[in-house]
Amino acid sequence: MDRYNLVSFLGIFLFLGLGWAASLNRRRLNLRCLVWGTGICLCVGAVVFRAPLSHAVLMWVNGAANAILRAASAGQEFVFGDLARENGPVGFVLATQALPMIIFVGALMGLLYYWPIMPAVIRGFAWLFTRLMRLSGAESVSCAANVFAGVESVLVVRPYLLEMTRSELCTILAAGMATTASNTLIVYVGMLQNRFPTIAGHLVSASIIAVPAAIVMAKLLVPEDGNPRTMGKDVKPDYERDSGAMEAIINGAMSGVRLIVGIVALLIAFLGLLAIVNMGLGAVGAGAGGLVGRPVELSLERILGYAFYPLALMMGVPPADAMLAGGILGERLVVTEIPAYLHLAEAINSNAFSHPRSPVILAYALCGFAHIASLAIFVGGAAALVPTRRRDLAAVGARALLAATLACLMTGAVAGTFYHSPQTVLQLAPG
């Protein structure tokens, strides 16, 4: 273990310490949840980066994701022609190459729910969380659903939302914001696979690590002080099964369309607002430069880079890369993860990182919906299901976002702990 691995390992406990320091009640500590949750994160990280027998499985996952990309490209190329081709005349286009994948994966997930493969997998993860981490059955099912789903993960526990404690509500919100849906994850793969060919295997493992990390952080920030109705009980995911495979495909595809519209709307709005903010900051910097007699460059990315600089160092990012990493992490918090992943891809393509561990750690840390837009989406979505709990959801919403952010950073630190060589099976492409 070199010094950067050691820094990442210590960073895991520093992030846990930050969560405990911000707790509503530092004396109420679910030690079993803390130990088992952190242990699961470390075990998954060790398997991904160190266990030789697991590489074949992870490479199979990576190959399966790439096969899905190739299958999705058939429909995209039929509709968009050369604009959908990776080596087309205009290069990478988010709207015609990456986002349409969401429709295909949405239809595929619809089928997996109909058959019903996905509910069985969710129940398996939920059983593990309930038994090992002493969680209620309802929050375990919702957290398990977040390994594969996004905001719709709240729907699988809709019958239990009304009677959930504040700690349970914070946990399901934090898990939702710390993870990413499978139909969105495939977009990140499409953006990074050219220079990071094994990115799919990494992002799947990041999605798994983020769930126990989010549970731990949520329980640190909002400890359980009530009596959950489903404590220790097995709960089945609540979902409406489609009448047939064709209906499942149609509904899944249409949900993908709605998600794309939401993503595009958020990107247009937030990037436009970011441009306005940067115009104002640029004017302030120009004025300050006139006073001090030298150029002063000000932008939101630069400010966020300074703010997240120490957090990037805590994850084990080398100091030479920490400012760039901090800016990308801060961008995810403000502008969503898709522009952050785009800028990560650009930084890899331009060889902006001094050490190959930096983009790997960032790929893990960015794999989640831990941004301000998600706070409104998740809290608003849950409140629409149980309007009488709106005040409680609003009260824990900001803490859930903090828990999700710390969980994502902890996920990056786990990757940094076990990363050991760019020549491993899971590696960056040369050049």
Protein backbone atom coordinates (compact mmCIF):
# COMPACT_ATOMS: atom_id res chain seq x y z
CA MET A 1 0.00 0.00 0.00
CA ASP A 2 1.62 3.28 -1.12
CA ARG A 3 1.11 6.65 0.52
CA TYR A 4 -1.85 7.60 -1.66
CA ASN A 5 -3.63 4.35 -0.85
CA LEU A 6 -3.08 5.07 2.83
CA VAL A 7 -4.44 8.60 2.42
CA SER A 8 -7.56 7.20 0.74
CA PHE A 9 -8.01 4.63 3.53
CA LEU A 10 -7.74 7.31 6.19
CA GLY A 11 -10.05 9.50 4.12
CA ILE A 12 -12.85 6.93 4.52
CA PHE A 13 -12.79 7.48 8.27
CA LEU A 14 -12.40 11.23 7.92
CA PHE A 15 -15.61 11.34 5.87
CA LEU A 16 -17.31 9.16 8.49
CA GLY A 17 -16.06 11.61 11.11
CA LEU A 18 -17.55 14.54 9.22
CA GLY A 19 -20.88 12.72 9.13
CA TRP A 20 -20.75 12.03 12.86
CA ALA A 21 -19.73 15.64 13.63
CA ALA A 22 -22.81 16.93 11.76
CA SER A 23 -25.14 14.42 13.45
CA LEU A 24 -28.42 15.48 15.02
CA ASN A 25 -27.58 13.25 17.97
CA ARG A 26 -23.96 12.12 18.25
CA ARG A 27 -24.75 9.88 21.22
CA ARG A 28 -27.15 7.67 19.26
CA LEU A 29 -24.81 5.65 17.09
CA ASN A 30 -25.90 2.50 15.26
CA LEU A 31 -22.53 0.81 15.63
CA ARG A 32 -23.67 -2.33 13.81
CA CYS A 33 -24.75 -0.28 10.79
CA LEU A 34 -21.49 1.67 10.85
CA VAL A 35 -19.25 -1.40 11.05
CA TRP A 36 -21.13 -3.59 8.57
CA GLY A 37 -21.80 -0.75 6.12
CA THR A 38 -18.15 0.30 6.04
CA GLY A 39 -17.10 -3.35 5.89
CA ILE A 40 -19.30 -4.04 2.85
CA CYS A 41 -17.83 -1.00 1.07
CA LEU A 42 -14.28 -2.19 1.76
CA CYS A 43 -15.04 -5.77 0.76
CA VAL A 44 -16.54 -4.73 -2.59
CA GLY A 45 -13.55 -2.45 -3.23
CA ALA A 46 -11.10 -5.23 -2.39
CA VAL A 47 -12.90 -7.66 -4.70
CA VAL A 48 -13.00 -5.19 -7.60
CA PHE A 49 -9.37 -4.13 -7.46
CA ARG A 50 -7.51 -7.00 -5.78
CA ALA A 51 -9.25 -10.38 -6.12
CA PRO A 52 -8.02 -12.09 -9.32
CA LEU A 53 -11.04 -14.40 -9.61
CA SER A 54 -13.42 -11.45 -9.63
CA HIS A 55 -11.82 -9.82 -12.66
CA ALA A 56 -13.48 -12.26 -15.02
CA VAL A 57 -16.90 -11.44 -13.57
CA LEU A 58 -16.28 -7.71 -13.74
CA MET A 59 -15.02 -7.95 -17.29
CA TRP A 60 -18.17 -9.89 -18.14
CA VAL A 61 -20.22 -7.05 -16.64
CA ASN A 62 -18.16 -4.59 -18.65
CA GLY A 63 -18.70 -6.63 -21.81
CA ALA A 64 -22.43 -6.90 -21.13
CA ALA A 65 -22.70 -3.12 -20.75
CA ASN A 66 -20.79 -2.60 -23.99
CA ALA A 67 -23.10 -5.11 -25.71
CA ILE A 68 -26.08 -3.07 -24.50
CA LEU A 69 -24.45 0.04 -25.96
CA ARG A 70 -23.99 -1.68 -29.31
CA ALA A 71 -27.59 -2.89 -29.28
CA ALA A 72 -28.87 0.58 -28.39
CA SER A 73 -26.85 2.10 -31.23
CA ALA A 74 -28.87 0.15 -33.82
CA GLY A 75 -32.02 2.14 -33.13
CA GLN A 76 -30.11 5.37 -32.66
CA GLU A 77 -28.33 5.07 -36.01
CA PHE A 78 -31.61 4.29 -37.76
CA VAL A 79 -33.16 7.48 -36.35
CA PHE A 80 -30.17 9.87 -36.32
CA GLY A 81 -27.88 8.42 -39.01
CA ASP A 82 -24.27 9.62 -38.87
CA LEU A 83 -25.02 11.82 -35.85
CA ALA A 84 -25.44 8.65 -33.77
CA ARG A 85 -22.18 7.06 -34.91
CA GLU A 86 -19.26 7.24 -32.53
CA ASN A 87 -16.83 7.92 -35.39
CA GLY A 88 -19.25 10.10 -37.31
CA PRO A 89 -18.41 13.39 -39.01
CA VAL A 90 -19.33 15.62 -36.02
CA GLY A 91 -17.73 13.67 -33.15
CA PHE A 92 -19.46 13.10 -29.84
CA VAL A 93 -23.00 14.51 -29.57
CA LEU A 94 -24.73 14.07 -26.22
CA ALA A 95 -28.25 14.39 -27.62
CA THR A 96 -27.89 11.76 -30.36
CA GLN A 97 -25.28 9.34 -28.98
CA ALA A 98 -25.60 9.18 -25.19
CA LEU A 99 -29.07 10.28 -24.08
CA PRO A 100 -31.09 7.99 -26.41
CA MET A 101 -29.51 5.00 -24.64
CA ILE A 102 -31.82 5.82 -21.73
CA ILE A 103 -34.83 4.81 -23.84
CA PHE A 104 -33.39 1.40 -24.71
CA VAL A 105 -32.28 0.64 -21.14
CA GLY A 106 -35.65 1.81 -19.83
CA ALA A 107 -37.39 -0.72 -22.07
CA LEU A 108 -34.94 -3.44 -21.00
CA MET A 109 -35.52 -2.69 -17.30
CA GLY A 110 -39.27 -2.80 -17.93
CA LEU A 111 -38.87 -6.36 -19.19
CA LEU A 112 -36.69 -7.34 -16.23
CA TYR A 113 -39.39 -6.11 -13.85
CA TYR A 114 -42.11 -7.92 -15.80
CA TRP A 115 -40.40 -11.34 -15.83
CA PRO A 116 -39.73 -10.63 -12.72
CA ILE A 117 -35.97 -10.80 -12.38
CA MET A 118 -35.33 -7.35 -10.93
CA PRO A 119 -37.69 -7.66 -7.91
CA ALA A 120 -35.94 -10.90 -6.92
CA VAL A 121 -32.50 -9.22 -7.08
CA ILE A 122 -33.78 -6.25 -5.06
CA ARG A 123 -35.16 -8.58 -2.38
CA GLY A 124 -31.76 -10.29 -2.17
CA PHE A 125 -29.94 -7.02 -1.53
CA ALA A 126 -32.66 -5.92 0.91
CA TRP A 127 -32.33 -9.14 2.89
CA LEU A 128 -28.59 -8.52 3.21
CA PHE A 129 -29.05 -4.95 4.45
CA THR A 130 -31.79 -5.89 6.92
CA ARG A 131 -29.84 -8.75 8.47
CA LEU A 132 -26.40 -7.19 8.60
CA MET A 133 -27.05 -3.49 9.22
CA ARG A 134 -30.14 -3.63 11.46
CA LEU A 135 -32.36 -1.60 9.14
CA SER A 136 -36.10 -1.66 8.71
CA GLY A 137 -37.41 -3.83 5.89
CA ALA A 138 -38.90 -0.84 4.07
CA GLU A 139 -35.73 1.26 3.95
CA SER A 140 -33.70 -1.84 3.02
CA VAL A 141 -35.92 -2.50 -0.01
CA SER A 142 -35.78 1.13 -1.13
CA CYS A 143 -32.00 1.28 -0.72
CA ALA A 144 -31.60 -2.03 -2.58
CA ALA A 145 -33.73 -0.71 -5.44
CA ASN A 146 -31.31 2.21 -5.77
CA VAL A 147 -28.60 -0.16 -7.01
CA PHE A 148 -30.59 -0.24 -10.26
CA ALA A 149 -33.26 2.48 -10.14
CA GLY A 150 -33.41 6.24 -9.63
CA VAL A 151 -36.15 8.39 -8.15
CA GLU A 152 -38.65 5.57 -8.80
CA SER A 153 -36.98 3.59 -5.98
CA VAL A 154 -39.27 5.46 -3.57
CA LEU A 155 -42.27 3.84 -5.26
CA VAL A 156 -41.30 0.32 -4.13
CA VAL A 157 -42.06 1.32 -0.50
CA ARG A 158 -45.03 3.59 -1.20
CA PRO A 159 -47.35 1.72 1.28
CA TYR A 160 -44.88 2.37 4.12
CA LEU A 161 -43.97 6.03 3.51
CA LEU A 162 -46.76 7.42 5.66
CA GLU A 163 -45.49 5.75 8.84
CA MET A 164 -41.75 6.00 8.26
CA THR A 165 -39.58 7.71 10.86
CA ARG A 166 -37.50 10.75 9.92
CA SER A 167 -34.38 8.59 9.99
CA GLU A 168 -35.93 6.17 7.50
CA LEU A 169 -36.97 9.04 5.23
CA CYS A 170 -33.47 10.49 5.33
CA THR A 171 -31.99 7.09 4.51
CA ILE A 172 -34.12 6.45 1.43
CA LEU A 173 -33.52 10.00 0.16
CA ALA A 174 -29.76 9.77 0.75
CA ALA A 175 -29.53 6.38 -0.98
CA GLY A 176 -31.45 7.79 -3.94
CA MET A 177 -29.13 10.76 -4.31
CA ALA A 178 -25.89 8.82 -3.66
CA THR A 179 -26.57 6.30 -6.42
CA THR A 180 -27.46 6.46 -10.10
CA ALA A 181 -30.10 4.69 -12.15
CA SER A 182 -28.99 1.98 -14.60
CA ASN A 183 -30.46 3.87 -17.56
CA THR A 184 -28.40 6.94 -16.65
CA LEU A 185 -25.28 4.95 -15.80
CA ILE A 186 -25.15 3.66 -19.37
CA VAL A 187 -24.85 7.29 -20.52
CA TYR A 188 -21.69 7.73 -18.43
CA VAL A 189 -20.29 4.56 -19.98
CA GLY A 190 -20.95 5.93 -23.45
CA MET A 191 -19.13 9.16 -22.62
CA LEU A 192 -16.02 7.53 -21.14
CA GLN A 193 -15.56 4.15 -22.80
CA ASN A 194 -13.21 5.36 -25.58
CA ARG A 195 -10.41 6.31 -23.17
CA PHE A 196 -11.60 4.29 -20.17
CA PRO A 197 -12.65 0.99 -21.76
CA THR A 198 -13.46 -0.79 -18.47
CA ILE A 199 -15.56 2.06 -17.09
CA ALA A 200 -18.75 -0.04 -17.05
CA GLY A 201 -17.31 -2.53 -14.56
CA HIS A 202 -16.11 0.32 -12.35
CA LEU A 203 -19.43 2.16 -12.38
CA VAL A 204 -21.41 -0.98 -11.52
CA SER A 205 -19.13 -1.55 -8.52
CA ALA A 206 -19.43 2.14 -7.60
CA SER A 207 -23.23 1.82 -7.59
CA ILE A 208 -23.00 -1.13 -5.19
CA ILE A 209 -20.49 0.56 -2.86
CA ALA A 210 -22.53 3.78 -2.73
CA VAL A 211 -25.60 2.11 -1.20
CA PRO A 212 -24.08 0.96 2.12
CA ALA A 213 -22.03 4.17 2.19
CA ALA A 214 -25.23 6.23 1.90
CA ILE A 215 -26.96 4.17 4.60
CA VAL A 216 -24.06 4.70 6.99
CA MET A 217 -23.89 8.44 6.34
CA ALA A 218 -27.66 8.87 6.68
CA LYS A 219 -27.71 7.01 9.98
CA LEU A 220 -24.83 9.13 11.24
CA LEU A 221 -26.51 12.40 10.29
CA VAL A 222 -30.06 11.45 11.35
CA PRO A 223 -29.84 8.56 13.85
CA GLU A 224 -32.90 6.40 14.42
CA ASP A 225 -34.82 7.56 17.50
CA GLY A 226 -38.20 6.00 16.73
CA ASN A 227 -39.73 2.56 16.27
CA PRO A 228 -39.83 1.67 12.55
CA ARG A 229 -42.88 -0.37 11.67
CA THR A 230 -40.92 -2.84 9.53
CA MET A 231 -37.79 -3.15 11.69
CA GLY A 232 -36.21 -6.56 11.06
CA LYS A 233 -39.01 -7.63 8.70
CA ASP A 234 -38.76 -8.75 5.08
CA VAL A 235 -40.70 -6.41 2.79
CA LYS A 236 -41.61 -7.13 -0.82
CA PRO A 237 -41.06 -4.37 -3.40
CA ASP A 238 -44.36 -2.71 -4.26
CA TYR A 239 -44.74 -2.24 -8.01
CA GLU A 240 -47.49 -2.52 -10.59
CA ARG A 241 -46.73 -5.41 -12.93
CA ASP A 242 -47.50 -4.77 -16.57
CA SER A 243 -50.09 -6.97 -18.29
CA GLY A 244 -47.64 -8.23 -20.87
CA ALA A 245 -44.09 -7.97 -22.20
CA MET A 246 -45.08 -5.49 -24.89
CA GLU A 247 -46.68 -3.16 -22.35
CA ALA A 248 -43.56 -3.43 -20.19
CA ILE A 249 -41.38 -2.41 -23.15
CA ILE A 250 -43.65 0.51 -24.07
CA ASN A 251 -43.90 1.80 -20.49
CA GLY A 252 -40.16 1.43 -19.96
CA ALA A 253 -39.36 3.28 -23.17
CA MET A 254 -41.81 6.07 -22.38
CA SER A 255 -40.33 6.48 -18.91
CA GLY A 256 -36.94 6.82 -20.62
CA VAL A 257 -38.33 9.58 -22.85
CA ARG A 258 -39.64 11.46 -19.81
CA LEU A 259 -36.26 11.10 -18.11
CA ILE A 260 -34.45 12.45 -21.18
CA VAL A 261 -36.76 15.48 -21.29
CA GLY A 262 -36.05 16.13 -17.62
CA ILE A 263 -32.28 15.79 -18.08
CA VAL A 264 -32.23 18.08 -21.12
CA ALA A 265 -34.36 20.67 -19.34
CA LEU A 266 -32.06 20.66 -16.30
CA LEU A 267 -28.91 20.86 -18.42
CA ILE A 268 -30.21 23.80 -20.46
CA ALA A 269 -31.43 25.64 -17.36
CA PHE A 270 -28.46 25.00 -15.07
CA LEU A 271 -25.73 25.50 -17.66
CA GLY A 272 -27.38 28.75 -18.77
CA LEU A 273 -27.59 29.96 -15.18
CA LEU A 274 -23.97 28.89 -14.62
CA ALA A 275 -22.92 30.99 -17.62
CA ILE A 276 -24.68 34.03 -16.11
CA VAL A 277 -22.98 33.45 -12.75
CA ASN A 278 -19.60 33.14 -14.44
CA MET A 279 -20.21 36.37 -16.36
CA GLY A 280 -20.79 38.16 -13.08
CA LEU A 281 -17.78 36.55 -11.43
CA GLY A 282 -15.66 37.37 -14.46
CA ALA A 283 -16.63 41.03 -14.17
CA VAL A 284 -15.76 41.00 -10.46
CA GLY A 285 -12.42 39.37 -11.26
CA ALA A 286 -11.67 41.97 -13.92
CA GLY A 287 -12.41 44.75 -11.46
CA ALA A 288 -10.24 43.15 -8.81
CA GLY A 289 -7.48 42.68 -11.37
CA GLY A 290 -7.50 46.40 -12.09
CA LEU A 291 -7.05 47.12 -8.40
CA VAL A 292 -4.19 44.68 -7.79
CA GLY A 293 -2.48 45.22 -11.12
CA ARG A 294 -2.66 41.63 -12.37
CA PRO A 295 -5.33 39.38 -13.94
CA VAL A 296 -7.74 37.74 -11.50
CA GLU A 297 -9.69 34.87 -13.01
CA LEU A 298 -12.93 34.15 -11.22
CA SER A 299 -15.47 31.45 -12.08
CA LEU A 300 -17.80 29.20 -10.15
CA GLU A 301 -15.73 26.18 -11.18
CA ARG A 302 -12.58 27.78 -9.76
CA ILE A 303 -14.32 28.69 -6.50
CA LEU A 304 -15.76 25.19 -6.16
CA GLY A 305 -12.34 23.78 -6.99
CA TYR A 306 -10.94 25.53 -3.92
CA ALA A 307 -13.91 24.41 -1.80
CA PHE A 308 -13.60 20.74 -2.80
CA TYR A 309 -9.79 20.74 -2.95
CA PRO A 310 -9.31 19.35 0.59
CA LEU A 311 -12.06 16.76 0.01
CA ALA A 312 -10.31 15.59 -3.17
CA LEU A 313 -7.08 15.25 -1.18
CA MET A 314 -8.93 13.22 1.45
CA MET A 315 -10.08 10.80 -1.26
CA GLY A 316 -6.44 10.20 -2.17
CA VAL A 317 -6.23 12.36 -5.29
CA PRO A 318 -2.60 13.56 -5.68
CA PRO A 319 -2.13 17.30 -4.91
CA ALA A 320 -1.25 18.07 -8.53
CA ASP A 321 -4.72 16.87 -9.61
CA ALA A 322 -6.75 17.96 -6.58
CA MET A 323 -7.76 21.38 -7.89
CA LEU A 324 -9.05 19.95 -11.17
CA ALA A 325 -10.79 17.12 -9.29
CA GLY A 326 -12.30 19.58 -6.83
CA GLY A 327 -13.74 21.68 -9.63
CA ILE A 328 -15.34 18.64 -11.26
CA LEU A 329 -16.78 17.48 -7.92
CA GLY A 330 -18.16 20.93 -7.22
CA GLU A 331 -19.66 21.10 -10.69
CA ARG A 332 -21.59 17.88 -10.01
CA LEU A 333 -23.09 19.41 -6.86
CA VAL A 334 -24.30 22.52 -8.70
CA VAL A 335 -24.87 21.50 -12.32
CA THR A 336 -25.56 17.70 -12.11
CA GLU A 337 -23.26 14.78 -12.85
CA ILE A 338 -23.55 14.66 -16.66
CA PRO A 339 -21.52 17.86 -17.31
CA ALA A 340 -19.10 16.67 -14.62
CA TYR A 341 -18.59 13.35 -16.42
CA LEU A 342 -18.22 15.19 -19.73
CA HIS A 343 -15.46 17.33 -18.24
CA LEU A 344 -13.86 14.23 -16.72
CA ALA A 345 -13.81 12.69 -20.21
CA GLU A 346 -12.30 15.88 -21.63
CA ALA A 347 -9.63 15.92 -18.91
CA ILE A 348 -8.72 12.28 -19.65
CA ASN A 349 -8.58 12.97 -23.40
CA SER A 350 -6.28 15.96 -22.89
CA ASN A 351 -4.02 14.07 -20.43
CA ALA A 352 -4.76 16.70 -17.78
CA PHE A 353 -4.21 14.31 -14.86
CA SER A 354 -0.71 13.72 -13.55
CA HIS A 355 -1.56 10.31 -12.04
CA PRO A 356 -3.83 7.56 -13.45
CA ARG A 357 -5.46 7.01 -10.05
CA SER A 358 -7.13 10.44 -10.19
CA PRO A 359 -9.69 9.74 -12.97
CA VAL A 360 -10.49 6.34 -11.45
CA ILE A 361 -11.28 7.90 -8.06
CA LEU A 362 -13.32 10.65 -9.73
CA ALA A 363 -15.29 8.14 -11.80
CA TYR A 364 -16.39 6.49 -8.55
CA ALA A 365 -17.06 9.72 -6.65
CA LEU A 366 -19.20 11.19 -9.45
CA CYS A 367 -21.41 8.11 -9.77
CA GLY A 368 -24.46 9.51 -8.00
CA PHE A 369 -27.28 12.04 -8.14
CA ALA A 370 -25.82 14.06 -5.26
CA HIS A 371 -26.67 17.52 -6.55
CA ILE A 372 -29.06 20.33 -5.78
CA ALA A 373 -31.47 19.45 -8.58
CA SER A 374 -31.89 15.95 -7.15
CA LEU A 375 -32.80 17.39 -3.77
CA ALA A 376 -35.86 19.00 -5.35
CA ILE A 377 -36.64 15.93 -7.47
CA PHE A 378 -36.44 13.34 -4.69
CA VAL A 379 -38.07 15.40 -1.96
CA GLY A 380 -40.75 16.62 -4.34
CA GLY A 381 -41.39 13.13 -5.68
CA ALA A 382 -41.73 11.60 -2.22
CA ALA A 383 -43.91 14.49 -1.00
CA ALA A 384 -46.25 13.95 -3.94
CA LEU A 385 -46.79 10.37 -2.73
CA VAL A 386 -47.39 11.32 0.92
CA PRO A 387 -48.35 15.03 1.13
CA THR A 388 -48.85 14.83 4.90
CA ARG A 389 -45.13 14.07 5.34
CA ARG A 390 -44.01 17.08 3.31
CA ARG A 391 -42.68 18.92 6.36
CA ASP A 392 -40.67 15.92 7.56
CA LEU A 393 -39.24 15.33 4.08
CA ALA A 394 -38.23 18.99 3.81
CA ALA A 395 -36.64 18.84 7.25
CA VAL A 396 -34.35 15.93 6.37
CA GLY A 397 -33.79 16.82 2.71
CA ALA A 398 -30.66 18.95 3.14
CA ARG A 399 -29.14 16.36 5.48
CA ALA A 400 -29.92 13.64 2.95
CA LEU A 401 -28.04 15.60 0.28
CA LEU A 402 -25.09 16.02 2.67
CA ALA A 403 -25.18 12.29 3.45
CA ALA A 404 -25.27 11.49 -0.29
CA THR A 405 -22.34 13.80 -1.01
CA LEU A 406 -20.26 12.27 1.79
CA ALA A 407 -21.23 8.79 0.59
CA CYS A 408 -20.03 9.57 -2.95
CA LEU A 409 -16.75 10.92 -1.57
CA MET A 410 -16.41 7.81 0.59
CA THR A 411 -16.99 5.66 -2.51
CA GLY A 412 -14.16 7.49 -4.25
CA ALA A 413 -11.93 6.95 -1.20
CA VAL A 414 -12.68 3.20 -1.26
CA ALA A 415 -11.58 3.08 -4.92
CA GLY A 416 -8.44 5.03 -4.02
CA THR A 417 -7.67 2.63 -1.17
CA PHE A 418 -7.45 -0.42 -3.42
CA TYR A 419 -6.26 1.11 -6.70
CA HIS A 420 -2.72 -0.10 -7.22
CA SER A 421 -1.65 -0.07 -10.88
CA PRO A 422 -2.79 1.23 -14.27
CA GLN A 423 -1.70 -2.14 -15.65
CA THR A 424 -4.41 -4.09 -13.78
CA VAL A 425 -7.25 -5.74 -15.69
CA LEU A 426 -9.49 -2.77 -14.89
CA GLN A 427 -7.39 -0.02 -16.40
CA LEU A 428 -7.36 3.15 -18.41
CA ALA A 429 -6.77 2.83 -22.11
CA PRO A 430 -3.22 3.76 -23.17
CA GLY A 431 -2.54 7.12 -24.69
